[in-house]
C-alpha atoms as a PDB file:
ATOM      1  CA  MET A   1     -39.743-132.780  -2.155  1.00  0.00           C
ATOM      2  CA  SER A   2     -38.017-130.900  -4.747  1.00  0.00           C
ATOM      3  CA  GLU A   3     -34.604-129.254  -4.228  1.00  0.00           C
ATOM      4  CA  PRO A   4     -34.206-125.527  -4.518  1.00  0.00           C
ATOM      5  CA  PRO A   5     -32.716-124.289  -7.740  1.00  0.00           C
ATOM      6  CA  PRO A   6     -28.959-124.494  -7.489  1.00  0.00           C
ATOM      7  CA  HIS A   7     -26.766-121.390  -7.130  1.00  0.00           C
ATOM      8  CA  GLN A   8     -29.601-118.831  -6.719  1.00  0.00           C
ATOM      9  CA  PRO A   9     -28.378-117.401  -3.395  1.00  0.00           C
ATOM     10  CA  LEU A  10     -24.906-117.163  -4.788  1.00  0.00           C
ATOM     11  CA  ALA A  11     -26.119-115.462  -7.912  1.00  0.00           C
ATOM     12  CA  ALA A  12     -28.095-113.001  -5.845  1.00  0.00           C
ATOM     13  CA  ALA A  13     -25.105-112.387  -3.609  1.00  0.00           C
ATOM     14  CA  GLU A  14     -22.814-111.891  -6.571  1.00  0.00           C
ATOM     15  CA  GLU A  15     -25.317-109.575  -8.170  1.00  0.00           C
ATOM     16  CA  HIS A  16     -25.563-107.568  -4.932  1.00  0.00           C
ATOM     17  CA  ALA A  17     -21.812-107.446  -4.620  1.00  0.00           C
ATOM     18  CA  ALA A  18     -21.393-106.499  -8.195  1.00  0.00           C
ATOM     19  CA  LYS A  19     -23.795-103.502  -8.161  1.00  0.00           C
ATOM     20  CA  PRO A  20     -21.637-101.154  -6.040  1.00  0.00           C
ATOM     21  CA  GLY A  21     -18.695-101.855  -8.301  1.00  0.00           C
ATOM     22  CA  LEU A  22     -20.714-101.077 -11.333  1.00  0.00           C
ATOM     23  CA  ARG A  23     -21.894 -97.782  -9.812  1.00  0.00           C
ATOM     24  CA  SER A  24     -18.322 -96.875  -8.877  1.00  0.00           C
ATOM     25  CA  SER A  25     -17.113 -97.700 -12.332  1.00  0.00           C
ATOM     26  CA  ALA A  26     -19.887 -95.588 -13.789  1.00  0.00           C
ATOM     27  CA  ARG A  27     -18.942 -92.691 -11.579  1.00  0.00           C
ATOM     28  CA  VAL A  28     -15.294 -92.979 -12.651  1.00  0.00           C
ATOM     29  CA  ARG A  29     -16.330 -92.948 -16.255  1.00  0.00           C
ATOM     30  CA  ARG A  30     -18.482 -89.863 -15.680  1.00  0.00           C
ATOM     31  CA  ARG A  31     -15.582 -88.019 -14.025  1.00  0.00           C
ATOM     32  CA  GLY A  32     -13.236 -88.890 -16.835  1.00  0.00           C
ATOM     33  CA  ALA A  33     -15.670 -87.959 -19.546  1.00  0.00           C
ATOM     34  CA  PRO A  34     -14.354 -85.242 -21.888  1.00  0.00           C
ATOM     35  CA  SER A  35     -15.609 -81.626 -21.187  1.00  0.00           C
ATOM     36  CA  ALA A  36     -17.702 -79.724 -23.658  1.00  0.00           C
ATOM     37  CA  PRO A  37     -15.599 -78.032 -26.369  1.00  0.00           C
ATOM     38  CA  SER A  38     -14.849 -74.265 -25.715  1.00  0.00           C
ATOM     39  CA  SER A  39     -16.244 -71.521 -27.986  1.00  0.00           C
ATOM     40  CA  PRO A  40     -14.060 -70.864 -31.032  1.00  0.00           C
ATOM     41  CA  TYR A  41     -14.506 -67.106 -30.317  1.00  0.00           C
ATOM     42  CA  ALA A  42     -13.133 -67.172 -26.751  1.00  0.00           C
ATOM     43  CA  HIS A  43      -9.627 -66.099 -27.726  1.00  0.00           C
ATOM     44  CA  LYS A  44     -11.055 -63.226 -29.762  1.00  0.00           C
ATOM     45  CA  PHE A  45     -13.007 -61.986 -26.739  1.00  0.00           C
ATOM     46  CA  ARG A  46      -9.863 -62.147 -24.621  1.00  0.00           C
ATOM     47  CA  LEU A  47      -7.926 -60.219 -27.275  1.00  0.00           C
ATOM     48  CA  ALA A  48     -10.647 -57.568 -27.495  1.00  0.00           C
ATOM     49  CA  ALA A  49     -10.684 -57.182 -23.710  1.00  0.00           C
ATOM     50  CA  GLY A  50      -6.903 -56.668 -23.719  1.00  0.00           C
ATOM     51  CA  VAL A  51      -7.132 -54.023 -26.421  1.00  0.00           C
ATOM     52  CA  LEU A  52      -9.857 -52.167 -24.517  1.00  0.00           C
ATOM     53  CA  ALA A  53      -7.727 -52.188 -21.352  1.00  0.00           C
ATOM     54  CA  ILE A  54      -4.774 -50.703 -23.261  1.00  0.00           C
ATOM     55  CA  LEU A  55      -7.009 -48.019 -24.784  1.00  0.00           C
ATOM     56  CA  ALA A  56      -8.386 -47.119 -21.350  1.00  0.00           C
ATOM     57  CA  ILE A  57      -4.875 -46.718 -19.939  1.00  0.00           C
ATOM     58  CA  GLY A  58      -3.907 -44.544 -22.913  1.00  0.00           C
ATOM     59  CA  ALA A  59      -6.982 -42.347 -22.466  1.00  0.00           C
ATOM     60  CA  ILE A  60      -6.130 -41.797 -18.808  1.00  0.00           C
ATOM     61  CA  ALA A  61      -2.538 -40.845 -19.717  1.00  0.00           C
ATOM     62  CA  ILE A  62      -3.749 -38.385 -22.365  1.00  0.00           C
ATOM     63  CA  ALA A  63      -6.172 -36.823 -19.871  1.00  0.00           C
ATOM     64  CA  ILE A  64      -3.345 -36.342 -17.355  1.00  0.00           C
ATOM     65  CA  ILE A  65      -1.098 -34.714 -19.989  1.00  0.00           C
ATOM     66  CA  ALA A  66      -3.918 -32.442 -21.154  1.00  0.00           C
ATOM     67  CA  ALA A  67      -4.665 -31.372 -17.598  1.00  0.00           C
ATOM     68  CA  SER A  68      -0.989 -30.582 -17.039  1.00  0.00           C
ATOM     69  CA  ALA A  69      -0.830 -28.574 -20.264  1.00  0.00           C
ATOM     70  CA  GLY A  70      -3.944 -26.668 -19.220  1.00  0.00           C
ATOM     71  CA  ARG A  71      -2.324 -25.678 -15.969  1.00  0.00           C
ATOM     72  CA  VAL A  72       0.690 -24.287 -17.842  1.00  0.00           C
ATOM     73  CA  THR A  73      -1.320 -22.188 -20.316  1.00  0.00           C
ATOM     74  CA  THR A  74      -3.547 -20.682 -17.642  1.00  0.00           C
ATOM     75  CA  LYS A  75      -0.762 -19.193 -15.534  1.00  0.00           C
ATOM     76  CA  ALA A  76      -1.128 -15.581 -14.515  1.00  0.00           C
ATOM     77  CA  TRP A  77      -0.211 -12.960 -17.137  1.00  0.00           C
ATOM     78  CA  SER A  78       1.763 -11.055 -14.509  1.00  0.00           C
ATOM     79  CA  ALA A  79       2.751 -11.519 -10.891  1.00  0.00           C
ATOM     80  CA  TRP A  80       0.935  -8.295  -9.981  1.00  0.00           C
ATOM     81  CA  LYS A  81      -2.205  -6.559 -11.219  1.00  0.00           C
ATOM     82  CA  PRO A  82      -4.097  -3.388 -10.256  1.00  0.00           C
ATOM     83  CA  GLN A  83      -7.139  -3.588  -8.017  1.00  0.00           C
ATOM     84  CA  PHE A  84      -9.104  -0.880  -9.841  1.00  0.00           C
ATOM     85  CA  ASN A  85     -10.154   0.108 -13.350  1.00  0.00           C
ATOM     86  CA  GLY A  86      -9.960   3.553 -14.970  1.00  0.00           C
ATOM     87  CA  ILE A  87      -7.680   6.288 -13.703  1.00  0.00           C
ATOM     88  CA  ALA A  88      -7.356   4.703 -10.244  1.00  0.00           C
ATOM     89  CA  GLY A  89      -6.006   1.538 -11.851  1.00  0.00           C
ATOM     90  CA  ALA A  90      -3.670   3.588 -14.066  1.00  0.00           C
ATOM     91  CA  ARG A  91      -2.225   5.301 -11.003  1.00  0.00           C
ATOM     92  CA  GLN A  92      -1.630   1.919  -9.394  1.00  0.00           C
ATOM     93  CA  ILE A  93       0.122   0.736 -12.578  1.00  0.00           C
ATOM     94  CA  ALA A  94       2.360   3.828 -12.682  1.00  0.00           C
ATOM     95  CA  GLY A  95       3.200   3.440  -9.009  1.00  0.00           C
ATOM     96  CA  TYR A  96       4.144  -0.194  -9.521  1.00  0.00           C
ATOM     97  CA  VAL A  97       6.076   0.008 -12.816  1.00  0.00           C
ATOM     98  CA  SER A  98       8.066   3.266 -12.481  1.00  0.00           C
ATOM     99  CA  PRO A  99      10.223   2.288  -9.453  1.00  0.00           C
ATOM    100  CA  GLY A 100      11.654  -0.572 -11.504  1.00  0.00           C
ATOM    101  CA  TYR A 101      13.308   1.825 -13.978  1.00  0.00           C
ATOM    102  CA  ARG A 102      16.313   3.458 -12.362  1.00  0.00           C
ATOM    103  CA  ILE A 103      19.407   5.473 -13.137  1.00  0.00           C
ATOM    104  CA  SER A 104      21.137   3.602 -10.341  1.00  0.00           C
ATOM    105  CA  ALA A 105      20.268   1.411  -7.401  1.00  0.00           C
ATOM    106  CA  GLU A 106      19.515   4.570  -5.401  1.00  0.00           C
ATOM    107  CA  GLN A 107      17.808   6.818  -7.963  1.00  0.00           C
ATOM    108  CA  GLN A 108      14.628   6.271  -9.943  1.00  0.00           C
ATOM    109  CA  LEU A 109      14.624   7.201 -13.629  1.00  0.00           C
ATOM    110  CA  ALA A 110      11.482   9.357 -13.427  1.00  0.00           C
ATOM    111  CA  VAL A 111       8.258   9.850 -11.515  1.00  0.00           C
ATOM    112  CA  VAL A 112       5.144   9.050 -13.564  1.00  0.00           C
ATOM    113  CA  THR A 113       1.899  10.975 -13.084  1.00  0.00           C
ATOM    114  CA  VAL A 114      -1.448  10.116 -14.669  1.00  0.00           C
ATOM    115  CA  SER A 115      -4.154  12.116 -16.388  1.00  0.00           C
ATOM    116  CA  THR A 116      -7.012  10.984 -18.585  1.00  0.00           C
ATOM    117  CA  ASN A 117      -9.760  12.058 -20.946  1.00  0.00           C
ATOM    118  CA  LEU A 118     -12.132   9.505 -19.426  1.00  0.00           C
ATOM    119  CA  ASP A 119     -13.988  12.337 -17.669  1.00  0.00           C
ATOM    120  CA  GLY A 120     -14.246  14.370 -20.883  1.00  0.00           C
ATOM    121  CA  SER A 121     -12.276  17.336 -19.521  1.00  0.00           C
ATOM    122  CA  THR A 122      -9.445  17.023 -22.043  1.00  0.00           C
ATOM    123  CA  LEU A 123      -9.539  16.242 -25.747  1.00  0.00           C
ATOM    124  CA  ILE A 124      -6.503  14.840 -27.509  1.00  0.00           C
ATOM    125  CA  LEU A 125      -5.808  15.933 -31.056  1.00  0.00           C
ATOM    126  CA  GLN A 126      -3.453  13.811 -33.078  1.00  0.00           C
ATOM    127  CA  GLU A 127      -1.876  15.578 -36.018  1.00  0.00           C
ATOM    128  CA  GLY A 128      -0.529  13.482 -38.832  1.00  0.00           C
ATOM    129  CA  PRO A 129       1.868  14.397 -41.643  1.00  0.00           C
ATOM    130  CA  SER A 130      -0.958  16.157 -43.450  1.00  0.00           C
ATOM    131  CA  SER A 131      -4.038  18.059 -42.315  1.00  0.00           C
ATOM    132  CA  SER A 132      -6.263  15.214 -43.488  1.00  0.00           C
ATOM    133  CA  ASP A 133      -4.642  12.938 -40.879  1.00  0.00           C
ATOM    134  CA  THR A 134      -5.552  15.179 -37.956  1.00  0.00           C
ATOM    135  CA  GLY A 135      -8.368  14.160 -35.637  1.00  0.00           C
ATOM    136  CA  VAL A 136      -9.474  13.538 -32.082  1.00  0.00           C
ATOM    137  CA  LEU A 137      -8.339  10.295 -30.487  1.00  0.00           C
ATOM    138  CA  THR A 138     -11.456   8.209 -29.976  1.00  0.00           C
ATOM    139  CA  GLY A 139     -12.027   6.012 -26.939  1.00  0.00           C
ATOM    140  CA  GLY A 140     -10.707   6.300 -23.430  1.00  0.00           C
ATOM    141  CA  THR A 141      -7.131   7.555 -23.230  1.00  0.00           C
ATOM    142  CA  ILE A 142      -4.670   7.406 -20.355  1.00  0.00           C
ATOM    143  CA  VAL A 143      -1.794   9.915 -20.382  1.00  0.00           C
ATOM    144  CA  TYR A 144       1.341   9.023 -18.422  1.00  0.00           C
ATOM    145  CA  THR A 145       3.663  12.009 -17.900  1.00  0.00           C
ATOM    146  CA  PHE A 146       7.296  11.286 -16.975  1.00  0.00           C
ATOM    147  CA  CYS A 147       9.163  13.754 -14.775  1.00  0.00           C
ATOM    148  CA  GLY A 148      12.820  13.310 -13.912  1.00  0.00           C
ATOM    149  CA  LEU A 149      14.590  15.064 -11.055  1.00  0.00           C
ATOM    150  CA  GLY A 150      16.575  17.408 -13.319  1.00  0.00           C
ATOM    151  CA  PRO A 151      15.659  20.854 -14.700  1.00  0.00           C
ATOM    152  CA  ASP A 152      12.205  21.000 -16.342  1.00  0.00           C
ATOM    153  CA  CYS A 153      11.542  17.352 -15.401  1.00  0.00           C
ATOM    154  CA  SER A 154      14.558  16.145 -17.359  1.00  0.00           C
ATOM    155  CA  ILE A 155      16.585  13.155 -16.234  1.00  0.00           C
ATOM    156  CA  PRO A 156      19.804  14.199 -14.454  1.00  0.00           C
ATOM    157  CA  GLY A 157      23.038  13.468 -16.270  1.00  0.00           C
ATOM    158  CA  LYS A 158      24.035  13.318 -19.908  1.00  0.00           C
ATOM    159  CA  PRO A 159      21.340  12.258 -22.388  1.00  0.00           C
ATOM    160  CA  SER A 160      22.105   9.032 -24.231  1.00  0.00           C
ATOM    161  CA  VAL A 161      20.568   6.594 -26.666  1.00  0.00           C
ATOM    162  CA  ASN A 162      20.394   3.894 -23.988  1.00  0.00           C
ATOM    163  CA  ARG A 163      18.567   6.217 -21.612  1.00  0.00           C
ATOM    164  CA  LEU A 164      16.004   7.077 -24.287  1.00  0.00           C
ATOM    165  CA  LEU A 165      15.586   3.355 -24.961  1.00  0.00           C
ATOM    166  CA  LEU A 166      14.954   2.819 -21.262  1.00  0.00           C
ATOM    167  CA  VAL A 167      12.158   5.399 -20.999  1.00  0.00           C
ATOM    168  CA  ARG A 168      10.543   4.093 -24.193  1.00  0.00           C
ATOM    169  CA  LEU A 169      10.592   0.572 -22.732  1.00  0.00           C
ATOM    170  CA  GLU A 170       8.945   1.904 -19.583  1.00  0.00           C
ATOM    171  CA  ALA A 171       6.249   3.530 -21.715  1.00  0.00           C
ATOM    172  CA  PHE A 172       5.766   0.205 -23.523  1.00  0.00           C
ATOM    173  CA  GLU A 173       5.360  -1.706 -20.251  1.00  0.00           C
ATOM    174  CA  LEU A 174       2.870   0.869 -18.944  1.00  0.00           C
ATOM    175  CA  ALA A 175       0.825   0.417 -22.125  1.00  0.00           C
ATOM    176  CA  LEU A 176       0.840  -3.380 -21.831  1.00  0.00           C
ATOM    177  CA  TYR A 177      -0.392  -3.250 -18.233  1.00  0.00           C
ATOM    178  CA  SER A 178      -3.028  -0.662 -19.119  1.00  0.00           C
ATOM    179  CA  PHE A 179      -4.517  -2.569 -22.037  1.00  0.00           C
ATOM    180  CA  ARG A 180      -4.400  -5.870 -20.159  1.00  0.00           C
ATOM    181  CA  TYR A 181      -6.183  -4.690 -17.018  1.00  0.00           C
ATOM    182  CA  LEU A 182      -8.023  -1.420 -17.813  1.00  0.00           C
ATOM    183  CA  SER A 183     -10.983  -2.426 -19.953  1.00  0.00           C
ATOM    184  CA  ASP A 184     -12.162   1.146 -20.679  1.00  0.00           C
ATOM    185  CA  VAL A 185      -8.827   2.299 -22.110  1.00  0.00           C
ATOM    186  CA  GLN A 186      -8.279   2.310 -25.884  1.00  0.00           C
ATOM    187  CA  ASN A 187      -5.208   4.580 -26.116  1.00  0.00           C
ATOM    188  CA  VAL A 188      -2.143   5.189 -23.978  1.00  0.00           C
ATOM    189  CA  VAL A 189       0.017   8.295 -24.419  1.00  0.00           C
ATOM    190  CA  SER A 190       3.320   8.599 -22.563  1.00  0.00           C
ATOM    191  CA  ILE A 191       4.984  12.028 -22.452  1.00  0.00           C
ATOM    192  CA  LEU A 192       8.669  11.273 -21.952  1.00  0.00           C
ATOM    193  CA  PRO A 193      11.140  13.376 -19.943  1.00  0.00           C
ATOM    194  CA  PRO A 194      12.497  16.296 -21.972  1.00  0.00           C
ATOM    195  CA  ALA A 195      15.991  16.314 -23.369  1.00  0.00           C
ATOM    196  CA  VAL A 196      17.259  19.660 -22.067  1.00  0.00           C
ATOM    197  CA  GLN A 197      20.142  21.505 -23.726  1.00  0.00           C
ATOM    198  CA  GLN A 198      22.034  23.576 -21.198  1.00  0.00           C
ATOM    199  CA  GLY A 199      23.969  26.770 -21.963  1.00  0.00           C
ATOM    200  CA  THR A 200      27.344  27.505 -20.380  1.00  0.00           C
ATOM    201  CA  ALA A 201      29.134  30.748 -19.553  1.00  0.00           C
ATOM    202  CA  ALA A 202      31.768  30.049 -22.202  1.00  0.00           C
ATOM    203  CA  ALA A 203      29.090  29.497 -24.806  1.00  0.00           C
ATOM    204  CA  LYS A 204      27.638  32.913 -23.993  1.00  0.00           C
ATOM    205  CA  GLY A 205      31.023  34.652 -24.262  1.00  0.00           C
ATOM    206  CA  THR A 206      31.582  35.282 -20.557  1.00  0.00           C
ATOM    207  CA  THR A 207      34.287  34.129 -18.199  1.00  0.00           C
ATOM    208  CA  PRO A 208      33.543  30.837 -16.433  1.00  0.00           C
ATOM    209  CA  SER A 209      33.120  31.111 -12.696  1.00  0.00           C
ATOM    210  CA  LEU A 210      32.545  28.873  -9.724  1.00  0.00           C
ATOM    211  CA  SER A 211      29.092  30.298  -9.160  1.00  0.00           C
ATOM    212  CA  PRO A 212      26.602  27.642  -8.020  1.00  0.00           C
ATOM    213  CA  THR A 213      23.937  29.213 -10.215  1.00  0.00           C
ATOM    214  CA  PRO A 214      22.714  26.486 -12.640  1.00  0.00           C
ATOM    215  CA  PRO A 215      23.265  27.091 -16.345  1.00  0.00           C
ATOM    216  CA  ALA A 216      20.478  28.690 -18.304  1.00  0.00           C
ATOM    217  CA  THR A 217      18.118  26.495 -20.275  1.00  0.00           C
ATOM    218  CA  LEU A 218      18.642  27.040 -23.992  1.00  0.00           C
ATOM    219  CA  GLY A 219      15.903  24.704 -25.138  1.00  0.00           C
ATOM    220  CA  LYS A 220      14.216  21.393 -24.572  1.00  0.00           C
ATOM    221  CA  THR A 221      12.746  18.678 -26.726  1.00  0.00           C
ATOM    222  CA  ILE A 222       9.735  16.744 -25.497  1.00  0.00           C
ATOM    223  CA  VAL A 223       8.652  13.524 -27.144  1.00  0.00           C
ATOM    224  CA  ALA A 224       5.432  11.601 -26.614  1.00  0.00           C
ATOM    225  CA  VAL A 225       4.746   8.049 -27.702  1.00  0.00           C
ATOM    226  CA  GLU A 226       1.236   6.788 -28.413  1.00  0.00           C
ATOM    227  CA  PHE A 227      -0.083   3.214 -28.279  1.00  0.00           C
ATOM    228  CA  ASN A 228      -3.526   1.917 -29.121  1.00  0.00           C
ATOM    229  CA  ARG A 229      -5.189  -1.301 -28.059  1.00  0.00           C
ATOM    230  CA  HIS A 230      -5.618  -2.598 -31.597  1.00  0.00           C
ATOM    231  CA  GLU A 231      -1.860  -2.544 -32.229  1.00  0.00           C
ATOM    232  CA  LEU A 232      -0.964  -4.364 -29.017  1.00  0.00           C
ATOM    233  CA  GLN A 233      -3.895  -6.798 -28.941  1.00  0.00           C
ATOM    234  CA  PRO A 234      -1.976  -9.677 -30.648  1.00  0.00           C
ATOM    235  CA  ILE A 235       0.624  -9.756 -27.852  1.00  0.00           C
ATOM    236  CA  LEU A 236      -1.610  -9.117 -24.836  1.00  0.00           C
ATOM    237  CA  SER A 237      -2.082 -12.868 -24.326  1.00  0.00           C
ATOM    238  CA  ASP A 238       1.675 -13.477 -24.002  1.00  0.00           C
ATOM    239  CA  PRO A 239       2.964 -13.499 -20.402  1.00  0.00           C
ATOM    240  CA  LEU A 240       4.654 -10.247 -19.427  1.00  0.00           C
ATOM    241  CA  SER A 241       7.784 -12.222 -18.495  1.00  0.00           C
ATOM    242  CA  ASP A 242       8.305 -12.880 -22.230  1.00  0.00           C
ATOM    243  CA  PHE A 243       9.191  -9.183 -22.562  1.00  0.00           C
ATOM    244  CA  PHE A 244      10.402  -7.842 -19.238  1.00  0.00           C
ATOM    245  CA  PRO A 245      12.544  -9.111 -16.358  1.00  0.00           C
ATOM    246  CA  SER A 246      11.191  -9.551 -12.867  1.00  0.00           C
ATOM    247  CA  LYS A 247      13.721  -7.176 -11.268  1.00  0.00           C
ATOM    248  CA  PRO A 248      14.635  -3.524 -11.971  1.00  0.00           C
ATOM    249  CA  LEU A 249      16.753  -2.953 -15.064  1.00  0.00           C
ATOM    250  CA  ALA A 250      19.334  -0.952 -13.097  1.00  0.00           C
ATOM    251  CA  LEU A 251      19.820  -3.919 -10.771  1.00  0.00           C
ATOM    252  CA  GLY A 252      20.693  -6.465 -13.434  1.00  0.00           C
ATOM    253  CA  GLY A 253      17.383  -6.994 -15.172  1.00  0.00           C
ATOM    254  CA  VAL A 254      17.677  -7.153 -18.957  1.00  0.00           C
ATOM    255  CA  PRO A 255      14.728  -6.593 -21.308  1.00  0.00           C
ATOM    256  CA  THR A 256      14.380  -9.307 -23.914  1.00  0.00           C
ATOM    257  CA  SER A 257      15.325  -8.637 -27.511  1.00  0.00           C
ATOM    258  CA  GLN A 258      11.671  -9.324 -28.320  1.00  0.00           C
ATOM    259  CA  ALA A 259      10.615  -6.425 -26.074  1.00  0.00           C
ATOM    260  CA  ILE A 260      13.051  -4.030 -27.752  1.00  0.00           C
ATOM    261  CA  ALA A 261      12.156  -5.143 -31.282  1.00  0.00           C
ATOM    262  CA  THR A 262       8.405  -4.977 -30.624  1.00  0.00           C
ATOM    263  CA  MET A 263       8.632  -1.569 -28.973  1.00  0.00           C
ATOM    264  CA  ASP A 264      10.771  -0.208 -31.813  1.00  0.00           C
ATOM    265  CA  PHE A 265       8.404  -1.541 -34.467  1.00  0.00           C
ATOM    266  CA  ILE A 266       5.264  -0.165 -32.818  1.00  0.00           C
ATOM    267  CA  THR A 267       6.632   3.247 -31.856  1.00  0.00           C
ATOM    268  CA  ALA A 268       8.595   3.972 -35.036  1.00  0.00           C
ATOM    269  CA  ASN A 269       5.584   5.812 -36.491  1.00  0.00           C
ATOM    270  CA  GLN A 270       3.961   6.800 -33.200  1.00  0.00           C
ATOM    271  CA  LEU A 271       6.329   9.466 -31.872  1.00  0.00           C
ATOM    272  CA  PHE A 272       4.917  12.978 -31.379  1.00  0.00           C
ATOM    273  CA  THR A 273       5.725  16.421 -30.058  1.00  0.00           C
ATOM    274  CA  PRO A 274       3.094  17.217 -27.411  1.00  0.00           C
ATOM    275  CA  SER A 275       1.672  20.647 -26.636  1.00  0.00           C
ATOM    276  CA  THR A 276      -1.347  22.030 -24.829  1.00  0.00           C
ATOM    277  CA  GLU A 277      -3.867  24.506 -26.147  1.00  0.00           C
ATOM    278  CA  THR A 278      -7.103  26.063 -24.933  1.00  0.00           C
ATOM    279  CA  GLY A 279     -10.055  26.216 -27.277  1.00  0.00           C
ATOM    280  CA  GLN A 280     -12.366  29.230 -27.657  1.00  0.00           C
ATOM    281  CA  ASP A 281     -14.892  27.544 -25.368  1.00  0.00           C
ATOM    282  CA  GLY A 282     -12.263  26.883 -22.711  1.00  0.00           C
ATOM    283  CA  THR A 283     -11.778  23.218 -23.649  1.00  0.00           C
ATOM    284  CA  GLN A 284      -8.277  21.979 -22.950  1.00  0.00           C
ATOM    285  CA  TYR A 285      -6.554  20.171 -25.800  1.00  0.00           C
ATOM    286  CA  LEU A 286      -3.480  17.978 -25.741  1.00  0.00           C
ATOM    287  CA  VAL A 287      -2.098  18.244 -29.250  1.00  0.00           C
ATOM    288  CA  LEU A 288       0.193  15.500 -30.560  1.00  0.00           C
ATOM    289  CA  SER A 289       2.150  16.565 -33.659  1.00  0.00           C
ATOM    290  CA  GLN A 290       3.638  13.550 -35.396  1.00  0.00           C
ATOM    291  CA  LEU A 291       7.390  13.325 -35.812  1.00  0.00           C
ATOM    292  CA  PRO A 292       9.079  11.659 -38.808  1.00  0.00           C
ATOM    293  CA  ALA A 293       9.427   7.889 -38.553  1.00  0.00           C
ATOM    294  CA  GLN A 294      12.488   6.961 -36.512  1.00  0.00           C
END
């Protein structure tokens, strides 16, 4: 009887014992194996993503700034505006603007009434330095007539350069409002309060007295100023506050130097002596005879 081959059970046992260790060792080696190399372009992608994020933030900031700027440029031209067009709107403008011009805190400079040629009842002739410059004003025209509380609609008190400047500024503001809000108006004529020269008893060779009878009127000078839309169009987009204060001039409001300079420049050649005439067919004419440049 032959003997079994030596050491076979031991070899099998060792082999069995050895297999788990080999698997474990293999697993360890697999865990420790080096990872696949990263793409050489990965850092470029990260850089590009960072740049795009910065650009997006910048675009958002620019959009916010632009929106803010848009809000500033679209602010209202004036704090108030008329509700109507045509002569009704002109009357609203006169009623709003004229109380802001005052001799004092208690007394308004002048009352302003409105007439128009929009209904065709009145034609306005503008006479220039020569007969070839005379013609009818074309387009809708609003006429603002100033009337003070003195004799013949004059302003009470002593005439002065500053007072004349004040009424011319009022005429300028009326024109700006009219052209801004009255779409059918092409011309604005303001007939200013007359400068009245008063006679005295001494001047007439008689003895002065305490009689309450007012002095006789020796003469008066009436001046009209004319504006047209074409001349004022370049400044109609500027806010009114660039030219005029928000409170009455007599109560501390001061017109800007830009308002005075612009008004002087525009009206220097647009001052007239107004008169009224009736044509042979009964048509009423407002005749504006041009005065020398001031």
